[in-house]
Amino acid sequence: MERETHYATVSEAINKLQKKGYTIDFNLEENSLDMHAEKFNTEFEIVDVYRYEGASDPGDQAVVYAIESKSGLKGILVAGYGTSVDTKTTEILKKLPIRKAKE
């Protein structure tokens, strides 16, 4: 996947990624990625990361992660950062490798 430089908003990033096949809405649960009640403990990697800051509210900060498994599962995880960061989310995401961009 070629990397986009940036999307203007979180919703634009989500919409564009969904069109590229990132259709699973991931959440983090303990030490696994979670979709509804189904947990995934397979190997995942971060394909792209988009970070956003609210123009008027510093608490309105989000990061959109495009995540893919070795078996082909593709989804999106939206997480807060800055003052709204969840330390459990940060620790789990640190364990996921980041795919290098195609040159």
Protein backbone atom coordinates (compact mmCIF):
# COMPACT_ATOMS: atom_id res chain seq x y z
CA MET A 1 0.00 0.00 0.00
CA GLU A 2 1.40 3.36 -0.94
CA ARG A 3 1.25 5.88 1.84
CA GLU A 4 -0.95 8.94 1.61
CA THR A 5 0.64 12.09 2.93
CA HIS A 6 -2.36 13.04 5.05
CA TYR A 7 -6.14 13.18 5.14
CA ALA A 8 -7.82 16.40 6.28
CA THR A 9 -10.00 14.86 9.01
CA VAL A 10 -10.41 11.67 11.01
CA SER A 11 -13.65 10.85 9.18
CA GLU A 12 -11.96 11.35 5.78
CA ALA A 13 -9.12 9.02 6.81
CA ILE A 14 -11.62 6.37 7.95
CA ASN A 15 -13.70 6.67 4.76
CA LYS A 16 -10.67 6.44 2.45
CA LEU A 17 -9.19 3.51 4.37
CA GLN A 18 -12.52 1.67 4.26
CA LYS A 19 -12.53 2.07 0.47
CA LYS A 20 -9.06 0.46 0.47
CA GLY A 21 -10.42 -2.59 2.31
CA TYR A 22 -9.80 -1.59 5.94
CA THR A 23 -13.33 -2.47 7.00
CA ILE A 24 -12.91 -4.02 10.47
CA ASP A 25 -13.50 -1.57 13.33
CA PHE A 26 -10.85 -2.68 15.82
CA ASN A 27 -10.82 -1.98 19.54
CA LEU A 28 -8.20 -3.02 22.06
CA GLU A 29 -9.09 -5.48 24.79
CA GLU A 30 -6.44 -6.58 27.25
CA ASN A 31 -3.64 -7.95 25.02
CA SER A 32 -5.59 -8.44 21.81
CA LEU A 33 -7.34 -6.60 19.02
CA ASP A 34 -11.09 -6.93 19.38
CA MET A 35 -13.94 -6.66 16.89
CA HIS A 36 -17.32 -6.83 18.60
CA ALA A 37 -17.02 -9.99 20.73
CA GLU A 38 -14.34 -11.63 18.57
CA LYS A 39 -10.72 -11.36 19.72
CA PHE A 40 -7.73 -11.64 17.41
CA ASN A 41 -4.37 -12.80 18.68
CA THR A 42 -2.81 -13.23 15.25
CA GLU A 43 0.17 -11.22 14.07
CA PHE A 44 -0.72 -7.69 13.04
CA GLU A 45 1.27 -4.76 11.77
CA ILE A 46 0.56 -1.07 11.49
CA VAL A 47 0.36 -0.09 7.83
CA ASP A 48 -0.34 3.64 8.21
CA VAL A 49 -0.78 6.20 10.99
CA TYR A 50 -2.65 9.51 10.77
CA ARG A 51 -2.53 11.94 13.70
CA TYR A 52 -5.02 14.78 14.27
CA GLU A 53 -5.23 17.72 16.64
CA GLY A 54 -8.42 19.67 17.22
CA ALA A 55 -8.04 23.27 16.06
CA SER A 56 -9.95 24.74 18.98
CA ASP A 57 -9.79 22.00 21.62
CA PRO A 58 -6.45 20.47 22.64
CA GLY A 59 -8.42 17.56 24.15
CA ASP A 60 -9.71 16.73 20.67
CA GLN A 61 -6.72 14.65 19.59
CA ALA A 62 -6.89 11.34 17.76
CA VAL A 63 -4.71 8.87 15.89
CA VAL A 64 -6.09 6.65 13.12
CA TYR A 65 -4.20 3.37 12.62
CA ALA A 66 -4.56 1.22 9.50
CA ILE A 67 -3.81 -2.32 10.72
CA GLU A 68 -3.38 -5.55 8.76
CA SER A 69 -2.77 -9.16 9.77
CA LYS A 70 -0.49 -11.61 7.99
CA SER A 71 -3.64 -13.56 7.08
CA GLY A 72 -5.18 -10.53 5.34
CA LEU A 73 -7.55 -9.09 7.96
CA LYS A 74 -7.61 -5.30 7.50
CA GLY A 75 -9.08 -2.77 9.89
CA ILE A 76 -8.92 0.58 11.57
CA LEU A 77 -8.22 1.53 15.17
CA VAL A 78 -8.88 5.08 16.37
CA ALA A 79 -7.18 6.07 19.61
CA GLY A 80 -6.71 9.25 21.59
CA TYR A 81 -3.36 10.79 22.41
CA GLY A 82 -2.03 13.68 24.44
CA THR A 83 -4.29 14.34 27.42
CA SER A 84 -6.75 11.66 26.28
CA VAL A 85 -4.18 8.88 25.83
CA ASP A 86 -4.98 5.43 27.18
CA THR A 87 -1.76 3.86 28.49
CA LYS A 88 -3.01 0.29 27.82
CA THR A 89 -3.61 1.18 24.18
CA THR A 90 -0.16 2.73 23.91
CA GLU A 91 1.52 -0.36 25.37
CA ILE A 92 -0.29 -2.73 23.00
CA LEU A 93 0.39 -0.56 19.95
CA LYS A 94 4.11 -0.42 20.82
CA LYS A 95 4.19 -4.21 20.32
CA LEU A 96 2.92 -3.99 16.72
CA PRO A 97 5.57 -3.58 14.02
CA ILE A 98 5.19 -0.72 11.53
CA ARG A 99 5.28 -1.67 7.85
CA LYS A 100 7.88 0.25 5.91
CA ALA A 101 6.61 2.46 3.09
CA LYS A 102 7.22 1.40 -0.48
CA GLU A 103 9.86 3.53 -2.10
